[in-house]
Amino acid sequence: MIQNKIVVRYQDGRVMKGITNDFMPNKDIFHLLPADALPNVKPLPVAVRELKAVFFVKDFAGDPQYQDKKEFDSTKPVTGRKIKVVFKDGELLIGTTQGYQPGRPGFFVIPIDPKTNSDRCFVVSSATNQVSLV
């Protein structure tokens, strides 16, 4: 079974880090085993409607000092459609998407910066102020 390292950010500001093996973009709930969980602890249910986003990460620590690039490199081709997401809390996410459709509960974004800690991000549409294809 595939285990994904994720960082879950709630709309109320809470953050949880852990592992999931049952996240599906069309499901209302998935399970998260916290990164600091003791052995034999059961995964916690996570309601997608409460989230801002699910970040699929390379590692849990990341580099808090690193500033993600916010502009596309015009010399490199991109796969998918360029997208700009402004969350209700003001955070800006720039990347590409294969499946954004207005009205859907969420969509995946691949960050434009290959050095960022996130491989991909599932954005919860209700947590956004603005989504635009660029």
C-alpha atoms as a PDB file:
ATOM      1  CA  MET A   1       0.000   0.000   0.000  1.00  0.00           C
ATOM      2  CA  ILE A   2       1.360   3.438  -0.945  1.00  0.00           C
ATOM      3  CA  GLN A   3       2.054   5.687   2.012  1.00  0.00           C
ATOM      4  CA  ASN A   4       2.179   9.411   1.343  1.00  0.00           C
ATOM      5  CA  LYS A   5       3.911  11.908   3.596  1.00  0.00           C
ATOM      6  CA  ILE A   6       1.522  14.817   3.974  1.00  0.00           C
ATOM      7  CA  VAL A   7       1.095  18.098   5.767  1.00  0.00           C
ATOM      8  CA  VAL A   8      -2.557  18.923   6.349  1.00  0.00           C
ATOM      9  CA  ARG A   9      -3.457  22.582   6.788  1.00  0.00           C
ATOM     10  CA  TYR A  10      -6.869  23.382   8.180  1.00  0.00           C
ATOM     11  CA  GLN A  11      -8.837  26.525   7.362  1.00  0.00           C
ATOM     12  CA  ASP A  12      -8.670  27.484  11.058  1.00  0.00           C
ATOM     13  CA  GLY A  13      -4.844  27.478  10.979  1.00  0.00           C
ATOM     14  CA  ARG A  14      -4.135  24.081  12.534  1.00  0.00           C
ATOM     15  CA  VAL A  15      -1.415  21.961  10.936  1.00  0.00           C
ATOM     16  CA  MET A  16      -0.911  18.198  11.152  1.00  0.00           C
ATOM     17  CA  LYS A  17       1.921  16.137   9.692  1.00  0.00           C
ATOM     18  CA  GLY A  18       1.743  12.442   9.018  1.00  0.00           C
ATOM     19  CA  ILE A  19       1.166   9.562   6.652  1.00  0.00           C
ATOM     20  CA  THR A  20      -1.929   8.662   4.658  1.00  0.00           C
ATOM     21  CA  ASN A  21      -2.662   5.715   2.419  1.00  0.00           C
ATOM     22  CA  ASP A  22      -6.306   6.412   1.614  1.00  0.00           C
ATOM     23  CA  PHE A  23      -6.508  10.013   0.351  1.00  0.00           C
ATOM     24  CA  MET A  24      -8.772  10.265  -2.683  1.00  0.00           C
ATOM     25  CA  PRO A  25      -9.736  13.655  -4.159  1.00  0.00           C
ATOM     26  CA  ASN A  26     -13.375  12.612  -4.533  1.00  0.00           C
ATOM     27  CA  LYS A  27     -13.812  11.370  -0.930  1.00  0.00           C
ATOM     28  CA  ASP A  28     -15.060  13.473   2.000  1.00  0.00           C
ATOM     29  CA  ILE A  29     -12.834  11.797   4.599  1.00  0.00           C
ATOM     30  CA  PHE A  30      -9.389  10.203   4.666  1.00  0.00           C
ATOM     31  CA  HIS A  31      -7.130   8.995   7.470  1.00  0.00           C
ATOM     32  CA  LEU A  32      -3.880  10.419   8.807  1.00  0.00           C
ATOM     33  CA  LEU A  33      -1.377   8.657  11.018  1.00  0.00           C
ATOM     34  CA  PRO A  34       0.426  11.507  12.828  1.00  0.00           C
ATOM     35  CA  ALA A  35       4.188  11.653  12.263  1.00  0.00           C
ATOM     36  CA  ASP A  36       4.792  11.487  16.011  1.00  0.00           C
ATOM     37  CA  ALA A  37       2.308   8.659  16.680  1.00  0.00           C
ATOM     38  CA  LEU A  38       3.282   5.802  18.947  1.00  0.00           C
ATOM     39  CA  PRO A  39       3.198   2.240  17.561  1.00  0.00           C
ATOM     40  CA  ASN A  40      -0.263   0.655  17.273  1.00  0.00           C
ATOM     41  CA  VAL A  41      -2.044   4.041  17.239  1.00  0.00           C
ATOM     42  CA  LYS A  42      -4.995   4.152  14.872  1.00  0.00           C
ATOM     43  CA  PRO A  43      -5.026   6.794  12.110  1.00  0.00           C
ATOM     44  CA  LEU A  44      -7.216   9.854  12.680  1.00  0.00           C
ATOM     45  CA  PRO A  45     -10.130  10.676  10.365  1.00  0.00           C
ATOM     46  CA  VAL A  46      -9.732  13.966   8.485  1.00  0.00           C
ATOM     47  CA  ALA A  47     -12.748  15.790   7.007  1.00  0.00           C
ATOM     48  CA  VAL A  48     -11.720  17.435   3.741  1.00  0.00           C
ATOM     49  CA  ARG A  49     -14.336  20.216   4.099  1.00  0.00           C
ATOM     50  CA  GLU A  50     -12.392  21.568   7.134  1.00  0.00           C
ATOM     51  CA  LEU A  51      -9.109  21.803   5.229  1.00  0.00           C
ATOM     52  CA  LYS A  52      -7.288  24.502   3.356  1.00  0.00           C
ATOM     53  CA  ALA A  53      -5.027  22.059   1.536  1.00  0.00           C
ATOM     54  CA  VAL A  54      -3.187  18.762   1.673  1.00  0.00           C
ATOM     55  CA  PHE A  55       0.512  19.084   0.846  1.00  0.00           C
ATOM     56  CA  PHE A  56       2.263  15.917  -0.334  1.00  0.00           C
ATOM     57  CA  VAL A  57       5.784  16.534   0.914  1.00  0.00           C
ATOM     58  CA  LYS A  58       9.312  15.189   0.460  1.00  0.00           C
ATOM     59  CA  ASP A  59       9.991  15.364   4.194  1.00  0.00           C
ATOM     60  CA  PHE A  60       8.284  16.702   7.312  1.00  0.00           C
ATOM     61  CA  ALA A  61      10.985  19.199   8.305  1.00  0.00           C
ATOM     62  CA  GLY A  62      11.311  21.156   5.075  1.00  0.00           C
ATOM     63  CA  ASP A  63      13.346  24.365   5.160  1.00  0.00           C
ATOM     64  CA  PRO A  64      11.413  27.124   6.948  1.00  0.00           C
ATOM     65  CA  GLN A  65      13.875  29.730   5.611  1.00  0.00           C
ATOM     66  CA  TYR A  66      13.338  28.772   1.957  1.00  0.00           C
ATOM     67  CA  GLN A  67      11.190  31.138  -0.100  1.00  0.00           C
ATOM     68  CA  ASP A  68       9.323  29.413  -2.946  1.00  0.00           C
ATOM     69  CA  LYS A  69       9.640  30.935  -6.404  1.00  0.00           C
ATOM     70  CA  LYS A  70       6.439  32.697  -7.444  1.00  0.00           C
ATOM     71  CA  GLU A  71       7.091  33.183 -11.167  1.00  0.00           C
ATOM     72  CA  PHE A  72       7.336  30.767 -14.060  1.00  0.00           C
ATOM     73  CA  ASP A  73      10.710  30.325 -15.755  1.00  0.00           C
ATOM     74  CA  SER A  74      10.024  31.376 -19.345  1.00  0.00           C
ATOM     75  CA  THR A  75      12.934  29.224 -20.582  1.00  0.00           C
ATOM     76  CA  LYS A  76      11.410  25.969 -19.305  1.00  0.00           C
ATOM     77  CA  PRO A  77       8.317  24.267 -20.727  1.00  0.00           C
ATOM     78  CA  VAL A  78       5.451  23.454 -18.360  1.00  0.00           C
ATOM     79  CA  THR A  79       3.170  20.453 -18.252  1.00  0.00           C
ATOM     80  CA  GLY A  80      -0.470  21.279 -17.646  1.00  0.00           C
ATOM     81  CA  ARG A  81      -2.140  24.629 -17.230  1.00  0.00           C
ATOM     82  CA  LYS A  82      -0.523  27.469 -15.300  1.00  0.00           C
ATOM     83  CA  ILE A  83      -2.570  28.378 -12.240  1.00  0.00           C
ATOM     84  CA  LYS A  84      -2.515  30.983  -9.476  1.00  0.00           C
ATOM     85  CA  VAL A  85      -4.327  30.260  -6.211  1.00  0.00           C
ATOM     86  CA  VAL A  86      -4.922  32.863  -3.505  1.00  0.00           C
ATOM     87  CA  PHE A  87      -6.162  31.297  -0.276  1.00  0.00           C
ATOM     88  CA  LYS A  88      -8.513  33.083   2.117  1.00  0.00           C
ATOM     89  CA  ASP A  89      -5.596  33.521   4.548  1.00  0.00           C
ATOM     90  CA  GLY A  90      -3.598  35.373   1.859  1.00  0.00           C
ATOM     91  CA  GLU A  91      -1.167  32.579   0.975  1.00  0.00           C
ATOM     92  CA  LEU A  92      -0.272  32.446  -2.714  1.00  0.00           C
ATOM     93  CA  LEU A  93       0.325  29.169  -4.563  1.00  0.00           C
ATOM     94  CA  ILE A  94       1.655  29.213  -8.125  1.00  0.00           C
ATOM     95  CA  GLY A  95       1.933  26.075 -10.199  1.00  0.00           C
ATOM     96  CA  THR A  96       0.387  23.898 -12.833  1.00  0.00           C
ATOM     97  CA  THR A  97      -2.759  21.803 -12.852  1.00  0.00           C
ATOM     98  CA  GLN A  98      -4.250  19.080 -14.981  1.00  0.00           C
ATOM     99  CA  GLY A  99      -7.705  19.074 -13.437  1.00  0.00           C
ATOM    100  CA  TYR A 100      -8.972  22.460 -12.293  1.00  0.00           C
ATOM    101  CA  GLN A 101     -12.660  22.989 -12.943  1.00  0.00           C
ATOM    102  CA  PRO A 102     -14.658  25.722 -11.219  1.00  0.00           C
ATOM    103  CA  GLY A 103     -17.327  24.285  -8.953  1.00  0.00           C
ATOM    104  CA  ARG A 104     -15.402  21.173  -7.966  1.00  0.00           C
ATOM    105  CA  PRO A 105     -14.603  20.670  -4.272  1.00  0.00           C
ATOM    106  CA  GLY A 106     -10.853  20.621  -4.930  1.00  0.00           C
ATOM    107  CA  PHE A 107      -8.009  20.154  -7.376  1.00  0.00           C
ATOM    108  CA  PHE A 108      -4.312  19.295  -7.529  1.00  0.00           C
ATOM    109  CA  VAL A 109      -1.539  21.825  -8.112  1.00  0.00           C
ATOM    110  CA  ILE A 110       2.094  20.997  -8.859  1.00  0.00           C
ATOM    111  CA  PRO A 111       4.255  23.851  -7.491  1.00  0.00           C
ATOM    112  CA  ILE A 112       6.442  25.601 -10.075  1.00  0.00           C
ATOM    113  CA  ASP A 113       9.508  25.556  -7.844  1.00  0.00           C
ATOM    114  CA  PRO A 114      11.242  22.148  -8.054  1.00  0.00           C
ATOM    115  CA  LYS A 115      13.207  22.982  -4.879  1.00  0.00           C
ATOM    116  CA  THR A 116      10.101  23.399  -2.723  1.00  0.00           C
ATOM    117  CA  ASN A 117       9.304  20.684  -0.185  1.00  0.00           C
ATOM    118  CA  SER A 118       5.891  19.932  -1.741  1.00  0.00           C
ATOM    119  CA  ASP A 119       5.636  17.482  -4.633  1.00  0.00           C
ATOM    120  CA  ARG A 120       1.981  18.346  -5.144  1.00  0.00           C
ATOM    121  CA  CYS A 121      -0.869  19.976  -3.296  1.00  0.00           C
ATOM    122  CA  PHE A 122      -4.589  19.238  -3.141  1.00  0.00           C
ATOM    123  CA  VAL A 123      -6.331  22.606  -2.836  1.00  0.00           C
ATOM    124  CA  VAL A 124      -9.758  22.680  -1.184  1.00  0.00           C
ATOM    125  CA  SER A 125     -11.801  25.105  -3.284  1.00  0.00           C
ATOM    126  CA  SER A 126     -13.800  26.495  -0.343  1.00  0.00           C
ATOM    127  CA  ALA A 127     -10.525  27.723   1.220  1.00  0.00           C
ATOM    128  CA  THR A 128      -9.659  29.952  -1.757  1.00  0.00           C
ATOM    129  CA  ASN A 129     -10.392  33.603  -2.480  1.00  0.00           C
ATOM    130  CA  GLN A 130      -9.230  33.537  -6.091  1.00  0.00           C
ATOM    131  CA  VAL A 131      -8.221  30.893  -8.613  1.00  0.00           C
ATOM    132  CA  SER A 132      -7.042  31.984 -12.027  1.00  0.00           C
ATOM    133  CA  LEU A 133      -5.484  30.267 -14.988  1.00  0.00           C
ATOM    134  CA  VAL A 134      -2.513  32.301 -16.197  1.00  0.00           C
END
